[in-house]
Amino acid sequence: MSKILAVVTNQASYGAAPHRTGLWIAELVHFYDGVRKAGFEVDIISPAGGHVPLDPRSVATADRRSREYMKDKDFMAGLNHTAGADEVDGADYTAIFYTGGHGVMWDFPDSTALQLIARKIYENGGLVSSVCHGACGLLNITLSDGTLLVDGRTVTGFSTAEERVAMVKSRVPFALEDELRARGANYVKNTIPMTPFATADDRLVTGQNPFSTKAVTRKIVEILRNF
C-alpha cells in the first residue's frame, strides 16, 4: 500500500494580527477521505508538530462530511498531536499533499524540513501536490540540481482575486499567484473565482481553492494508480 503525507499548518493567526486562521478543515477532510477510500494510507504532519488550529470560518461553513470528521475523536486527537516535519523521512512516502488555510502562508514557505521531504519524494519518482494556499509549500522546494520545483511548471493556487473575495487581501503577507510566477511557474486559474479547478503537470498536481479539493484528489489518485 502506498503511503501519502498530508501537511497541515500550526499557525493560528494572520502573523501578529489578532485575526484567527489555521487549517481549512474541508481541504484536509476531502483529501484524506478520498485517498483512503482509494486504498492509500495517509499520515498527517505539520511543520513544528503538535497542535493544528482550525480556521474558524472553515468550521462555521463546514459541510456534512467535514462535520462528521470533526466529531471523530481519534481523527481530532491526531490533529492535536501531529508529528513534526523533522521527524519524517520522505523515502517512506510516495506522495505529499500540502493543505491550505491562510496559516500556511507563515509556516510552509521557509520550512527546510518540508522542502527536503518533498524533494526526496519527487526525486524518488513520487508525486508532489497541493490545494489552495497549500501551494505556499511549493514555493521554495529546490531540487538536487539547484532548480526550483515550480520553475517552468504549470500550477495553480489561491488567486489574488480570491483573496479579495475572502476580504483578507490586506492581511496576507504576499500574493501567492505573484510569488509562484516570480519563481518561474506558469500560474493558471479558473475564470470564475471560488470555483473548482485543478491541474496536473506530470507529477506536480495542484488545486486552486477549497472547492477544488475533490478535483485535485481525483487527479492524485489517478496518477498514483498508474505508478
Foldseek 3Di string as FASTA:
>chain_A
DAEEEEEWEQFFALPPDPQGKWFLQLLVQLLCVLVVVLPYHYAYAYAAFFATDHGPVSVVPPDPSSVVQVVPPVSNVCNRGHHHLQVDALVRHQEYEFGDMLRCLPPQQPRPSLLNSHQVNVVVVHAYEYEARSCSNQLPNAHPVGARPQAPEEEAHAACVNCVVVVCNVSHPDGVQVSSVVSRHNYDDDPDPPAWDKDDDQRYIYIYHSNNSNVSSVVNSVNVVVD
